[in-house]
Amino acid sequence: MKDTQENRARFGIIINGMANNFGHGKLSKDDLTMRFMALQEYELNAISQAATWLIKNRKPGIFPAIPTTKEIIDAIEGVTTSPDIRVIADQQANQVLKAMKYAPPSVEVTFEHPVTAHLMQTRWSIGSLRRTMQEADEKWFRREFVEAFILYNAPENLSCLTMSDGSPNKLAHSVKTLLPELTKTMP
């Protein structure tokens, strides 16, 4: 970003807005100047996206209260290149829960992400979730879904999700499901 008054003003709004969200007042002019110089290689839109991501995803109680410049850089690089797999998994869990709640029962729900489609064909189904899941169960479903999504999204696991004709590979899913149980019983 260019060093202009307009960019400095917008930068100050973004950073002070983030600081305010984390319970910190306005940053000093010197602090804003240092952060501006450190983040000058990035576009304002990327900084804004990173600040929004940190507001949504940073756990409370971390010291220092306001995210450091390094955290902002890490968020920029994560937001602008490839988001954390856990974030993607959580977004996919949201799609499944929305489909479960809002899609009419007569409509067959399909998912674009191959891992989500696989999990919803082999491990869960919208129909069974509708019949059995209570609102209190959404927390465990989200946790289980995210863990399964991350496991299946590992590069070594992606090839076993589908057969050559595109149909789900139920044998690979069964082996993945049973393997942990079998290894528990081995001496």
C-alpha atoms as a PDB file:
ATOM      1  CA  MET A   1       0.000   0.000   0.000  1.00  0.00           C
ATOM      2  CA  LYS A   2       1.190   3.461  -0.762  1.00  0.00           C
ATOM      3  CA  ASP A   3       2.117   5.831   2.050  1.00  0.00           C
ATOM      4  CA  THR A   4      -0.667   8.399   1.617  1.00  0.00           C
ATOM      5  CA  GLN A   5      -2.772  10.284   4.146  1.00  0.00           C
ATOM      6  CA  GLU A   6      -5.883   8.468   2.906  1.00  0.00           C
ATOM      7  CA  ASN A   7      -4.258   5.032   3.341  1.00  0.00           C
ATOM      8  CA  ARG A   8      -2.933   5.979   6.791  1.00  0.00           C
ATOM      9  CA  ALA A   9      -6.428   7.119   7.828  1.00  0.00           C
ATOM     10  CA  ARG A  10      -8.080   3.914   6.581  1.00  0.00           C
ATOM     11  CA  PHE A  11      -5.316   1.843   8.206  1.00  0.00           C
ATOM     12  CA  GLY A  12      -5.903   3.646  11.521  1.00  0.00           C
ATOM     13  CA  ILE A  13      -9.646   2.938  11.320  1.00  0.00           C
ATOM     14  CA  ILE A  14      -9.025  -0.765  10.684  1.00  0.00           C
ATOM     15  CA  ILE A  15      -6.398  -1.237  13.409  1.00  0.00           C
ATOM     16  CA  ASN A  16      -8.171   0.914  16.013  1.00  0.00           C
ATOM     17  CA  GLY A  17     -11.449  -0.849  15.241  1.00  0.00           C
ATOM     18  CA  MET A  18      -9.767  -4.185  15.858  1.00  0.00           C
ATOM     19  CA  ALA A  19      -8.118  -2.870  19.043  1.00  0.00           C
ATOM     20  CA  ASN A  20     -11.468  -1.582  20.273  1.00  0.00           C
ATOM     21  CA  ASN A  21     -13.039  -4.986  19.630  1.00  0.00           C
ATOM     22  CA  PHE A  22     -10.435  -6.605  21.907  1.00  0.00           C
ATOM     23  CA  GLY A  23     -11.117  -4.115  24.701  1.00  0.00           C
ATOM     24  CA  HIS A  24      -8.190  -1.830  23.976  1.00  0.00           C
ATOM     25  CA  GLY A  25      -8.668   1.877  23.364  1.00  0.00           C
ATOM     26  CA  LYS A  26      -7.159   3.780  20.480  1.00  0.00           C
ATOM     27  CA  LEU A  27      -3.545   3.000  19.739  1.00  0.00           C
ATOM     28  CA  SER A  28      -0.954   5.744  19.963  1.00  0.00           C
ATOM     29  CA  LYS A  29       0.186   7.522  16.827  1.00  0.00           C
ATOM     30  CA  ASP A  30       3.641   5.940  17.233  1.00  0.00           C
ATOM     31  CA  ASP A  31       2.159   2.427  17.501  1.00  0.00           C
ATOM     32  CA  LEU A  32       0.003   2.995  14.406  1.00  0.00           C
ATOM     33  CA  THR A  33       3.039   4.318  12.509  1.00  0.00           C
ATOM     34  CA  MET A  34       5.126   1.249  13.414  1.00  0.00           C
ATOM     35  CA  ARG A  35       2.325  -1.118  12.421  1.00  0.00           C
ATOM     36  CA  PHE A  36       1.764   0.793   9.189  1.00  0.00           C
ATOM     37  CA  MET A  37       5.452   0.504   8.268  1.00  0.00           C
ATOM     38  CA  ALA A  38       5.519  -3.210   9.135  1.00  0.00           C
ATOM     39  CA  LEU A  39       2.367  -3.942   7.108  1.00  0.00           C
ATOM     40  CA  GLN A  40       3.035  -1.548   4.229  1.00  0.00           C
ATOM     41  CA  GLU A  41       3.802  -4.377   1.776  1.00  0.00           C
ATOM     42  CA  TYR A  42       0.186  -5.622   2.077  1.00  0.00           C
ATOM     43  CA  GLU A  43      -2.947  -4.131   0.538  1.00  0.00           C
ATOM     44  CA  LEU A  44      -5.520  -2.458   2.804  1.00  0.00           C
ATOM     45  CA  ASN A  45      -8.173  -4.991   1.744  1.00  0.00           C
ATOM     46  CA  ALA A  46      -5.911  -7.845   2.899  1.00  0.00           C
ATOM     47  CA  ILE A  47      -5.287  -6.094   6.228  1.00  0.00           C
ATOM     48  CA  SER A  48      -9.023  -5.500   6.641  1.00  0.00           C
ATOM     49  CA  GLN A  49      -9.798  -9.165   5.882  1.00  0.00           C
ATOM     50  CA  ALA A  50      -7.145 -10.303   8.350  1.00  0.00           C
ATOM     51  CA  ALA A  51      -8.492  -7.989  11.060  1.00  0.00           C
ATOM     52  CA  THR A  52     -12.007  -9.319  10.468  1.00  0.00           C
ATOM     53  CA  TRP A  53     -10.717 -12.895  10.595  1.00  0.00           C
ATOM     54  CA  LEU A  54      -8.892 -12.200  13.891  1.00  0.00           C
ATOM     55  CA  ILE A  55     -12.002 -10.606  15.393  1.00  0.00           C
ATOM     56  CA  LYS A  56     -14.030 -13.693  14.492  1.00  0.00           C
ATOM     57  CA  ASN A  57     -11.478 -16.394  15.311  1.00  0.00           C
ATOM     58  CA  ARG A  58      -8.955 -15.243  17.912  1.00  0.00           C
ATOM     59  CA  LYS A  59      -9.587 -16.856  21.264  1.00  0.00           C
ATOM     60  CA  PRO A  60     -10.254 -14.458  24.156  1.00  0.00           C
ATOM     61  CA  GLY A  61      -7.791 -14.184  27.029  1.00  0.00           C
ATOM     62  CA  ILE A  62      -4.642 -14.205  24.893  1.00  0.00           C
ATOM     63  CA  PHE A  63      -1.909 -11.800  25.941  1.00  0.00           C
ATOM     64  CA  PRO A  64      -1.466  -9.181  24.632  1.00  0.00           C
ATOM     65  CA  ALA A  65      -5.134  -8.352  24.323  1.00  0.00           C
ATOM     66  CA  ILE A  66      -4.765  -6.741  20.894  1.00  0.00           C
ATOM     67  CA  PRO A  67      -3.329  -8.962  18.141  1.00  0.00           C
ATOM     68  CA  THR A  68       0.339  -8.331  17.400  1.00  0.00           C
ATOM     69  CA  THR A  69       1.604  -7.250  13.996  1.00  0.00           C
ATOM     70  CA  LYS A  70       2.946 -10.796  13.510  1.00  0.00           C
ATOM     71  CA  GLU A  71      -0.548 -12.227  14.156  1.00  0.00           C
ATOM     72  CA  ILE A  72      -1.954  -9.819  11.570  1.00  0.00           C
ATOM     73  CA  ILE A  73       0.714 -10.891   9.048  1.00  0.00           C
ATOM     74  CA  ASP A  74      -0.016 -14.571   9.740  1.00  0.00           C
ATOM     75  CA  ALA A  75      -3.734 -13.909   9.284  1.00  0.00           C
ATOM     76  CA  ILE A  76      -3.096 -11.997   6.045  1.00  0.00           C
ATOM     77  CA  GLU A  77      -1.060 -14.833   4.647  1.00  0.00           C
ATOM     78  CA  GLY A  78      -3.646 -17.360   5.784  1.00  0.00           C
ATOM     79  CA  VAL A  79      -6.619 -15.378   4.513  1.00  0.00           C
ATOM     80  CA  THR A  80      -5.081 -14.423   1.178  1.00  0.00           C
ATOM     81  CA  THR A  81      -3.425 -17.738   0.317  1.00  0.00           C
ATOM     82  CA  SER A  82      -5.020 -20.817   1.809  1.00  0.00           C
ATOM     83  CA  PRO A  83      -7.240 -20.682   4.862  1.00  0.00           C
ATOM     84  CA  ASP A  84      -6.600 -23.009   7.764  1.00  0.00           C
ATOM     85  CA  ILE A  85      -8.170 -26.438   7.184  1.00  0.00           C
ATOM     86  CA  ARG A  86     -10.023 -26.117  10.498  1.00  0.00           C
ATOM     87  CA  VAL A  87     -11.718 -22.927   9.233  1.00  0.00           C
ATOM     88  CA  ILE A  88     -12.746 -24.681   6.007  1.00  0.00           C
ATOM     89  CA  ALA A  89     -14.010 -27.677   7.998  1.00  0.00           C
ATOM     90  CA  ASP A  90     -16.056 -25.389  10.249  1.00  0.00           C
ATOM     91  CA  GLN A  91     -17.540 -23.620   7.204  1.00  0.00           C
ATOM     92  CA  GLN A  92     -18.494 -26.995   5.736  1.00  0.00           C
ATOM     93  CA  ALA A  93     -20.089 -28.022   9.047  1.00  0.00           C
ATOM     94  CA  ASN A  94     -22.137 -24.804   8.858  1.00  0.00           C
ATOM     95  CA  GLN A  95     -23.326 -25.757   5.367  1.00  0.00           C
ATOM     96  CA  VAL A  96     -24.393 -29.202   6.564  1.00  0.00           C
ATOM     97  CA  LEU A  97     -26.261 -27.778   9.564  1.00  0.00           C
ATOM     98  CA  LYS A  98     -28.008 -25.168   7.383  1.00  0.00           C
ATOM     99  CA  ALA A  99     -29.020 -27.851   4.897  1.00  0.00           C
ATOM    100  CA  MET A 100     -30.333 -29.997   7.725  1.00  0.00           C
ATOM    101  CA  LYS A 101     -32.422 -27.145   9.131  1.00  0.00           C
ATOM    102  CA  TYR A 102     -33.619 -25.349   6.009  1.00  0.00           C
ATOM    103  CA  ALA A 103     -33.620 -27.670   2.996  1.00  0.00           C
ATOM    104  CA  PRO A 104     -37.060 -29.155   2.347  1.00  0.00           C
ATOM    105  CA  PRO A 105     -37.199 -32.904   3.104  1.00  0.00           C
ATOM    106  CA  SER A 106     -38.252 -33.603  -0.487  1.00  0.00           C
ATOM    107  CA  VAL A 107     -35.037 -32.057  -1.892  1.00  0.00           C
ATOM    108  CA  GLU A 108     -31.913 -34.180  -2.210  1.00  0.00           C
ATOM    109  CA  VAL A 109     -29.077 -32.157  -0.701  1.00  0.00           C
ATOM    110  CA  THR A 110     -25.706 -32.282  -2.446  1.00  0.00           C
ATOM    111  CA  PHE A 111     -22.445 -30.715  -1.334  1.00  0.00           C
ATOM    112  CA  GLU A 112     -19.820 -29.250  -3.653  1.00  0.00           C
ATOM    113  CA  HIS A 113     -16.784 -29.950  -1.498  1.00  0.00           C
ATOM    114  CA  PRO A 114     -15.693 -33.550  -2.187  1.00  0.00           C
ATOM    115  CA  VAL A 115     -14.806 -34.315   1.430  1.00  0.00           C
ATOM    116  CA  THR A 116     -18.143 -32.974   2.690  1.00  0.00           C
ATOM    117  CA  ALA A 117     -20.000 -34.917  -0.005  1.00  0.00           C
ATOM    118  CA  HIS A 118     -18.122 -38.069   0.957  1.00  0.00           C
ATOM    119  CA  LEU A 119     -18.775 -37.669   4.672  1.00  0.00           C
ATOM    120  CA  MET A 120     -22.458 -36.990   4.074  1.00  0.00           C
ATOM    121  CA  GLN A 121     -22.780 -40.081   1.855  1.00  0.00           C
ATOM    122  CA  THR A 122     -20.847 -42.505   4.021  1.00  0.00           C
ATOM    123  CA  ARG A 123     -20.816 -41.330   7.624  1.00  0.00           C
ATOM    124  CA  TRP A 124     -23.910 -39.194   8.091  1.00  0.00           C
ATOM    125  CA  SER A 125     -26.993 -38.354   6.085  1.00  0.00           C
ATOM    126  CA  ILE A 126     -29.198 -35.280   6.167  1.00  0.00           C
ATOM    127  CA  GLY A 127     -32.274 -37.447   6.719  1.00  0.00           C
ATOM    128  CA  SER A 128     -30.868 -39.253   9.745  1.00  0.00           C
ATOM    129  CA  LEU A 129     -29.548 -36.000  11.203  1.00  0.00           C
ATOM    130  CA  ARG A 130     -32.995 -34.413  10.836  1.00  0.00           C
ATOM    131  CA  ARG A 131     -34.627 -37.347  12.608  1.00  0.00           C
ATOM    132  CA  THR A 132     -32.180 -37.728  15.458  1.00  0.00           C
ATOM    133  CA  MET A 133     -30.302 -34.500  16.118  1.00  0.00           C
ATOM    134  CA  GLN A 134     -31.514 -32.172  18.821  1.00  0.00           C
ATOM    135  CA  GLU A 135     -30.268 -28.588  19.016  1.00  0.00           C
ATOM    136  CA  ALA A 136     -27.988 -29.538  21.925  1.00  0.00           C
ATOM    137  CA  ASP A 137     -26.354 -32.189  19.712  1.00  0.00           C
ATOM    138  CA  GLU A 138     -25.090 -29.639  17.183  1.00  0.00           C
ATOM    139  CA  LYS A 139     -21.968 -29.029  19.275  1.00  0.00           C
ATOM    140  CA  TRP A 140     -20.869 -32.672  19.192  1.00  0.00           C
ATOM    141  CA  PHE A 141     -21.777 -32.986  15.508  1.00  0.00           C
ATOM    142  CA  ARG A 142     -19.673 -29.942  14.636  1.00  0.00           C
ATOM    143  CA  ARG A 143     -16.693 -31.321  16.595  1.00  0.00           C
ATOM    144  CA  GLU A 144     -17.004 -34.795  15.027  1.00  0.00           C
ATOM    145  CA  PHE A 145     -17.496 -33.361  11.532  1.00  0.00           C
ATOM    146  CA  VAL A 146     -14.469 -31.062  11.780  1.00  0.00           C
ATOM    147  CA  GLU A 147     -12.262 -33.921  13.014  1.00  0.00           C
ATOM    148  CA  ALA A 148     -13.458 -36.238  10.245  1.00  0.00           C
ATOM    149  CA  PHE A 149     -13.098 -33.493   7.620  1.00  0.00           C
ATOM    150  CA  ILE A 150      -9.493 -32.816   8.656  1.00  0.00           C
ATOM    151  CA  LEU A 151      -8.669 -36.531   8.656  1.00  0.00           C
ATOM    152  CA  TYR A 152     -10.151 -37.102   5.199  1.00  0.00           C
ATOM    153  CA  ASN A 153      -8.631 -33.921   3.817  1.00  0.00           C
ATOM    154  CA  ALA A 154      -5.086 -35.198   4.418  1.00  0.00           C
ATOM    155  CA  PRO A 155      -3.453 -35.645   0.977  1.00  0.00           C
ATOM    156  CA  GLU A 156      -2.846 -39.347   1.500  1.00  0.00           C
ATOM    157  CA  ASN A 157      -6.561 -39.886   2.148  1.00  0.00           C
ATOM    158  CA  LEU A 158      -8.077 -37.930  -0.741  1.00  0.00           C
ATOM    159  CA  SER A 159      -7.563 -40.632  -3.372  1.00  0.00           C
ATOM    160  CA  CYS A 160      -9.610 -43.166  -1.453  1.00  0.00           C
ATOM    161  CA  LEU A 161     -12.730 -40.985  -1.245  1.00  0.00           C
ATOM    162  CA  THR A 162     -14.091 -41.999  -4.615  1.00  0.00           C
ATOM    163  CA  MET A 163     -13.853 -44.868  -7.045  1.00  0.00           C
ATOM    164  CA  SER A 164     -12.712 -44.298 -10.639  1.00  0.00           C
ATOM    165  CA  ASP A 165     -16.349 -43.851 -11.719  1.00  0.00           C
ATOM    166  CA  GLY A 166     -16.871 -41.105  -9.108  1.00  0.00           C
ATOM    167  CA  SER A 167     -18.958 -43.202  -6.716  1.00  0.00           C
ATOM    168  CA  PRO A 168     -18.050 -43.222  -3.016  1.00  0.00           C
ATOM    169  CA  ASN A 169     -15.483 -45.804  -1.951  1.00  0.00           C
ATOM    170  CA  LYS A 170     -17.352 -47.461   0.910  1.00  0.00           C
ATOM    171  CA  LEU A 171     -14.636 -50.067   1.498  1.00  0.00           C
ATOM    172  CA  ALA A 172     -11.995 -47.373   2.075  1.00  0.00           C
ATOM    173  CA  HIS A 173     -14.384 -45.612   4.448  1.00  0.00           C
ATOM    174  CA  SER A 174     -15.052 -48.868   6.333  1.00  0.00           C
ATOM    175  CA  VAL A 175     -11.346 -49.584   6.692  1.00  0.00           C
ATOM    176  CA  LYS A 176     -10.690 -46.059   7.971  1.00  0.00           C
ATOM    177  CA  THR A 177     -13.530 -46.411  10.451  1.00  0.00           C
ATOM    178  CA  LEU A 178     -12.591 -49.875  11.671  1.00  0.00           C
ATOM    179  CA  LEU A 179      -8.789 -49.547  11.730  1.00  0.00           C
ATOM    180  CA  PRO A 180      -8.628 -47.551  14.984  1.00  0.00           C
ATOM    181  CA  GLU A 181     -10.904 -50.108  16.655  1.00  0.00           C
ATOM    182  CA  LEU A 182      -8.860 -53.055  15.391  1.00  0.00           C
ATOM    183  CA  THR A 183      -5.565 -51.585  16.570  1.00  0.00           C
ATOM    184  CA  LYS A 184      -6.999 -51.093  20.092  1.00  0.00           C
ATOM    185  CA  THR A 185      -7.522 -54.842  20.439  1.00  0.00           C
ATOM    186  CA  MET A 186      -4.049 -55.807  19.169  1.00  0.00           C
ATOM    187  CA  PRO A 187      -1.399 -56.616  21.808  1.00  0.00           C
END
